[in-house]
Amino acid sequence: MSNFALRLPEHVMTQAKSAADEDKVSVNQLLVAFIAEGLGHRRGLKEIRARADRADIGAALVLLDQVPDVAAEPGDERPTS
């Protein structure tokens, strides 16, 4: 396990202490969980962007052109603006 000195604005630390109390965990546990969650979110977004960069838009449009034009099933209708 590594140590890292983290400087937080006082209002952020106040919110973190309050959230940790609500969740009945230490501030350290709360912040580690938030950091891990944020890093996972970031990694997921990077993966989505990488997959989008590899996409073949032309091939996708060809597939979409093959979709039959049928009415939506009940509950799947597009919302009206």
N, C-alpha and C. Protein backbone atom coordinates (compact mmCIF):
# COMPACT_ATOMS: atom_id res chain seq x y z
N MET A 1 0.86 -1.17 0.00
CA MET A 1 0.00 0.00 0.00
C MET A 1 0.90 1.23 0.00
N SER A 2 0.53 2.22 -0.78
CA SER A 2 1.30 3.45 -0.88
C SER A 2 0.64 4.56 -0.08
N ASN A 3 1.45 5.54 0.27
CA ASN A 3 0.96 6.74 0.95
C ASN A 3 1.10 7.93 0.01
N PHE A 4 0.14 8.85 0.10
CA PHE A 4 0.19 10.06 -0.70
C PHE A 4 -0.45 11.18 0.11
N ALA A 5 0.31 12.24 0.32
CA ALA A 5 -0.24 13.40 1.04
C ALA A 5 -1.15 14.17 0.09
N LEU A 6 -2.38 14.34 0.50
CA LEU A 6 -3.38 14.99 -0.35
C LEU A 6 -3.87 16.25 0.34
N ARG A 7 -3.76 17.37 -0.34
CA ARG A 7 -4.28 18.63 0.21
C ARG A 7 -5.66 18.88 -0.38
N LEU A 8 -6.64 19.01 0.50
CA LEU A 8 -8.01 19.24 0.09
C LEU A 8 -8.49 20.59 0.59
N PRO A 9 -9.29 21.28 -0.20
CA PRO A 9 -9.93 22.49 0.33
C PRO A 9 -10.79 22.10 1.53
N GLU A 10 -10.89 23.00 2.47
CA GLU A 10 -11.60 22.72 3.71
C GLU A 10 -13.04 22.28 3.46
N HIS A 11 -13.72 22.94 2.50
CA HIS A 11 -15.11 22.57 2.25
C HIS A 11 -15.24 21.16 1.69
N VAL A 12 -14.24 20.71 0.93
CA VAL A 12 -14.28 19.34 0.40
C VAL A 12 -14.06 18.35 1.54
N MET A 13 -13.13 18.66 2.43
CA MET A 13 -12.88 17.78 3.57
C MET A 13 -14.10 17.70 4.48
N THR A 14 -14.78 18.81 4.66
CA THR A 14 -16.00 18.81 5.47
C THR A 14 -17.05 17.89 4.85
N GLN A 15 -17.22 17.98 3.54
CA GLN A 15 -18.18 17.11 2.85
C GLN A 15 -17.76 15.65 2.92
N ALA A 16 -16.46 15.40 2.80
CA ALA A 16 -15.95 14.03 2.86
C ALA A 16 -16.20 13.43 4.25
N LYS A 17 -15.94 14.20 5.29
CA LYS A 17 -16.18 13.72 6.66
C LYS A 17 -17.65 13.41 6.87
N SER A 18 -18.51 14.28 6.37
CA SER A 18 -19.95 14.08 6.51
C SER A 18 -20.39 12.82 5.77
N ALA A 19 -19.91 12.64 4.54
CA ALA A 19 -20.27 11.47 3.74
C ALA A 19 -19.73 10.19 4.39
N ALA A 20 -18.51 10.25 4.92
CA ALA A 20 -17.93 9.08 5.59
C ALA A 20 -18.75 8.71 6.82
N ASP A 21 -19.18 9.71 7.58
CA ASP A 21 -20.01 9.45 8.75
C ASP A 21 -21.33 8.79 8.33
N GLU A 22 -21.95 9.31 7.27
CA GLU A 22 -23.21 8.74 6.78
C GLU A 22 -23.04 7.28 6.37
N ASP A 23 -21.90 6.98 5.73
CA ASP A 23 -21.65 5.62 5.23
C ASP A 23 -21.00 4.73 6.29
N LYS A 24 -20.69 5.32 7.44
CA LYS A 24 -20.05 4.58 8.54
C LYS A 24 -18.73 3.95 8.11
N VAL A 25 -17.91 4.75 7.40
CA VAL A 25 -16.57 4.34 7.00
C VAL A 25 -15.61 5.47 7.34
N SER A 26 -14.33 5.19 7.27
CA SER A 26 -13.34 6.24 7.51
C SER A 26 -13.26 7.16 6.28
N VAL A 27 -12.75 8.35 6.50
CA VAL A 27 -12.55 9.28 5.38
C VAL A 27 -11.61 8.65 4.37
N ASN A 28 -10.58 7.96 4.86
CA ASN A 28 -9.64 7.30 3.97
C ASN A 28 -10.35 6.28 3.09
N GLN A 29 -11.19 5.43 3.68
CA GLN A 29 -11.93 4.43 2.89
C GLN A 29 -12.82 5.10 1.86
N LEU A 30 -13.49 6.16 2.25
CA LEU A 30 -14.37 6.87 1.34
C LEU A 30 -13.60 7.44 0.16
N LEU A 31 -12.48 8.11 0.44
CA LEU A 31 -11.70 8.73 -0.63
C LEU A 31 -11.07 7.68 -1.54
N VAL A 32 -10.60 6.57 -0.97
CA VAL A 32 -10.04 5.50 -1.80
C VAL A 32 -11.13 4.95 -2.73
N ALA A 33 -12.33 4.76 -2.21
CA ALA A 33 -13.43 4.26 -3.03
C ALA A 33 -13.77 5.24 -4.15
N PHE A 34 -13.83 6.53 -3.82
CA PHE A 34 -14.14 7.54 -4.84
C PHE A 34 -13.05 7.60 -5.91
N ILE A 35 -11.79 7.53 -5.50
CA ILE A 35 -10.69 7.58 -6.47
C ILE A 35 -10.76 6.35 -7.38
N ALA A 36 -10.96 5.17 -6.79
CA ALA A 36 -11.05 3.94 -7.59
C ALA A 36 -12.22 4.02 -8.57
N GLU A 37 -13.36 4.53 -8.09
CA GLU A 37 -14.53 4.66 -8.96
C GLU A 37 -14.24 5.63 -10.11
N GLY A 38 -13.61 6.74 -9.80
CA GLY A 38 -13.27 7.73 -10.83
C GLY A 38 -12.30 7.18 -11.85
N LEU A 39 -11.30 6.43 -11.39
CA LEU A 39 -10.33 5.85 -12.31
C LEU A 39 -11.00 4.80 -13.20
N GLY A 40 -11.91 4.02 -12.64
CA GLY A 40 -12.64 3.04 -13.44
C GLY A 40 -13.50 3.72 -14.49
N HIS A 41 -14.15 4.80 -14.10
CA HIS A 41 -14.97 5.57 -15.04
C HIS A 41 -14.10 6.12 -16.18
N ARG A 42 -12.95 6.67 -15.81
CA ARG A 42 -12.02 7.23 -16.80
C ARG A 42 -11.54 6.14 -17.76
N ARG A 43 -11.19 4.97 -17.21
CA ARG A 43 -10.72 3.86 -18.04
C ARG A 43 -11.82 3.41 -19.00
N GLY A 44 -13.06 3.37 -18.51
CA GLY A 44 -14.19 3.00 -19.37
C GLY A 44 -14.39 3.97 -20.51
N LEU A 45 -14.30 5.26 -20.21
CA LEU A 45 -14.46 6.27 -21.26
C LEU A 45 -13.35 6.17 -22.30
N LYS A 46 -12.13 5.92 -21.84
CA LYS A 46 -11.02 5.76 -22.79
C LYS A 46 -11.25 4.55 -23.70
N GLU A 47 -11.78 3.47 -23.14
CA GLU A 47 -12.07 2.27 -23.94
C GLU A 47 -13.16 2.55 -24.96
N ILE A 48 -14.19 3.26 -24.56
CA ILE A 48 -15.27 3.61 -25.49
C ILE A 48 -14.73 4.48 -26.62
N ARG A 49 -13.89 5.46 -26.28
CA ARG A 49 -13.30 6.32 -27.32
C ARG A 49 -12.42 5.51 -28.28
N ALA A 50 -11.63 4.58 -27.73
CA ALA A 50 -10.76 3.75 -28.57
C ALA A 50 -11.60 2.89 -29.51
N ARG A 51 -12.69 2.33 -29.00
CA ARG A 51 -13.57 1.51 -29.84
C ARG A 51 -14.24 2.37 -30.92
N ALA A 52 -14.62 3.59 -30.56
CA ALA A 52 -15.25 4.49 -31.53
C ALA A 52 -14.26 4.85 -32.64
N ASP A 53 -12.99 5.01 -32.27
CA ASP A 53 -11.97 5.34 -33.28
C ASP A 53 -11.77 4.20 -34.27
N ARG A 54 -12.03 2.97 -33.82
CA ARG A 54 -11.88 1.80 -34.71
C ARG A 54 -13.14 1.51 -35.51
N ALA A 55 -14.20 2.23 -35.26
CA ALA A 55 -15.49 1.93 -35.88
C ALA A 55 -15.45 2.18 -37.39
N ASP A 56 -16.19 1.36 -38.10
CA ASP A 56 -16.36 1.53 -39.55
C ASP A 56 -17.76 2.09 -39.76
N ILE A 57 -17.84 3.40 -39.86
CA ILE A 57 -19.14 4.07 -39.96
C ILE A 57 -19.88 3.65 -41.22
N GLY A 58 -19.16 3.49 -42.30
CA GLY A 58 -19.79 3.06 -43.55
C GLY A 58 -20.47 1.71 -43.40
N ALA A 59 -19.79 0.76 -42.75
CA ALA A 59 -20.36 -0.57 -42.54
C ALA A 59 -21.58 -0.49 -41.63
N ALA A 60 -21.51 0.36 -40.62
CA ALA A 60 -22.66 0.52 -39.71
C ALA A 60 -23.86 1.08 -40.46
N LEU A 61 -23.63 2.04 -41.34
CA LEU A 61 -24.73 2.61 -42.11
C LEU A 61 -25.35 1.59 -43.06
N VAL A 62 -24.51 0.72 -43.62
CA VAL A 62 -25.03 -0.34 -44.48
C VAL A 62 -25.95 -1.26 -43.67
N LEU A 63 -25.53 -1.61 -42.46
CA LEU A 63 -26.37 -2.45 -41.59
C LEU A 63 -27.67 -1.75 -41.25
N LEU A 64 -27.59 -0.48 -40.92
CA LEU A 64 -28.80 0.26 -40.56
C LEU A 64 -29.77 0.35 -41.72
N ASP A 65 -29.25 0.44 -42.94
CA ASP A 65 -30.11 0.49 -44.12
C ASP A 65 -30.89 -0.81 -44.30
N GLN A 66 -30.41 -1.90 -43.71
CA GLN A 66 -31.06 -3.20 -43.85
C GLN A 66 -32.15 -3.43 -42.80
N VAL A 67 -32.27 -2.53 -41.84
CA VAL A 67 -33.27 -2.69 -40.79
C VAL A 67 -34.65 -2.40 -41.37
N PRO A 68 -35.61 -3.30 -41.17
CA PRO A 68 -36.94 -3.07 -41.73
C PRO A 68 -37.63 -1.89 -41.04
N ASP A 69 -38.45 -1.20 -41.79
CA ASP A 69 -39.18 -0.04 -41.27
C ASP A 69 -40.51 -0.53 -40.71
N VAL A 70 -40.53 -0.79 -39.42
CA VAL A 70 -41.74 -1.28 -38.76
C VAL A 70 -42.06 -0.36 -37.58
N ALA A 71 -43.32 -0.40 -37.17
CA ALA A 71 -43.72 0.41 -36.02
C ALA A 71 -43.07 -0.11 -34.75
N ALA A 72 -42.81 0.82 -33.83
CA ALA A 72 -42.23 0.44 -32.54
C ALA A 72 -43.22 -0.35 -31.72
N GLU A 73 -42.70 -1.25 -30.90
CA GLU A 73 -43.55 -2.00 -30.00
C GLU A 73 -44.07 -1.05 -28.92
N PRO A 74 -45.22 -1.36 -28.33
CA PRO A 74 -45.77 -0.49 -27.27
C PRO A 74 -44.73 -0.28 -26.16
N GLY A 75 -44.54 0.98 -25.82
CA GLY A 75 -43.57 1.34 -24.78
C GLY A 75 -42.22 1.71 -25.35
N ASP A 76 -41.95 1.38 -26.62
CA ASP A 76 -40.67 1.69 -27.26
C ASP A 76 -40.77 2.87 -28.23
N GLU A 77 -41.90 3.55 -28.24
CA GLU A 77 -42.08 4.67 -29.16
C GLU A 77 -41.11 5.80 -28.80
N ARG A 78 -40.77 6.56 -29.83
CA ARG A 78 -39.95 7.76 -29.58
C ARG A 78 -40.81 8.80 -28.88
N PRO A 79 -40.24 9.51 -27.92
CA PRO A 79 -40.99 10.55 -27.25
C PRO A 79 -41.30 11.69 -28.19
N THR A 80 -42.44 12.32 -28.01
CA THR A 80 -42.77 13.48 -28.83
C THR A 80 -42.26 14.72 -28.12
N SER A 81 -41.69 15.62 -28.90
CA SER A 81 -41.10 16.84 -28.30
C SER A 81 -42.13 17.89 -28.01
